[in-house]
Amino acid sequence: MFNVNQWDKICGKLSAVFNLTDEKGNGIEGAPKFGNYFKIDIPDPGTASGDGYDWVRVEGVDENQDKNEDTESISIRVRFG
């Protein structure tokens, strides 16, 4: 789940394409971190202000594991802007 650049491959052909970027819009690899951005190419006209893309900023990343329940969860909080 932390490989944002591969989300569209997991979801299939009709999915939006997500790319992880730094604050300048340069593509980066790895897990998202506070202050990174998602550049989102939704299969429809994008915003003029976003140069045809939608952008969200990463505000938080949480990873939780409950060994007693044998579960783990990941949450990534983002905000438009």
Foldseek 3Di string as FASTA:
>chain_A
DQFLQCVDVVVDDQAKGWFKAAQVRHGDGDGDDARIKIWTQHPDQADVVSVRTWMKGWHDWDWDADVVVRDIDIDTDIGTD
